[in-house]
Amino acid sequence: MTDLKLVGLCGSLRRDSWNRVLLRAAADAFGPADFTEGNLRLPLYDGDLEAEGMPSEVTALKELVAGADAVIIACPEYNKAPPGVLKNALDWLSRGGHPWAGKPVAIVSASAGRAGGERTQFALRLMMVAFRPYLLQGPEVLVANPSEAFNADGALQDERGAGLLAELMEDLRNAALARRS
């Protein structure tokens, strides 16, 4: 089935972010799907701005997540936590409606430290609880030292890491298909 809609959110805005590379590798491992990366270049959440009307880029992101069959979040670790850009997006997505409810979500991370973003995944799982997604608990995909982890084509070079990513994406795909039936 190739009509699955897969959305990716990258917690780093940098064009050549290792998490964007990991996000693309995850989308490839997910298999045939209509893949779209959400834009997290949003204004800072502000209740006054919200009262004036939801910004169009926020509405677009909310519709993208709501229409997805599954979501992958690829997030670096900045100072032992997810970056503010991702927290800001989650704050906006929490306003009005429930685009995450029951939606299959997988978290992956690439970070320069030796733990590969372990703390950011823990914090992100905690942040997601209120949204009530179907959050896959594992296998955890934690890519340490990402500058050495990917080949020139953006694939994970480590067999174990690539296998964990494939397993997580197979589970995400199965959860998306099960939700449809």
Foldseek 3Di string as FASTA:
>chain_A
DQAAEEEEEELDPDPPDLLVLVRVQLVVLLPRYNYDYQDLPDPADDPVVVVVPQDPSLVVRLVSLLPGLEYEYEAEADPLEGDPSVVRSLVSNVPPDQSQAQHEYEYAYAYADPFQNPSHVVRVVVSCVVSHYNYDPFDYQRHYNSVPQADPVSHGPDPVNNVRSSVRSPVNSVSSVVVVD
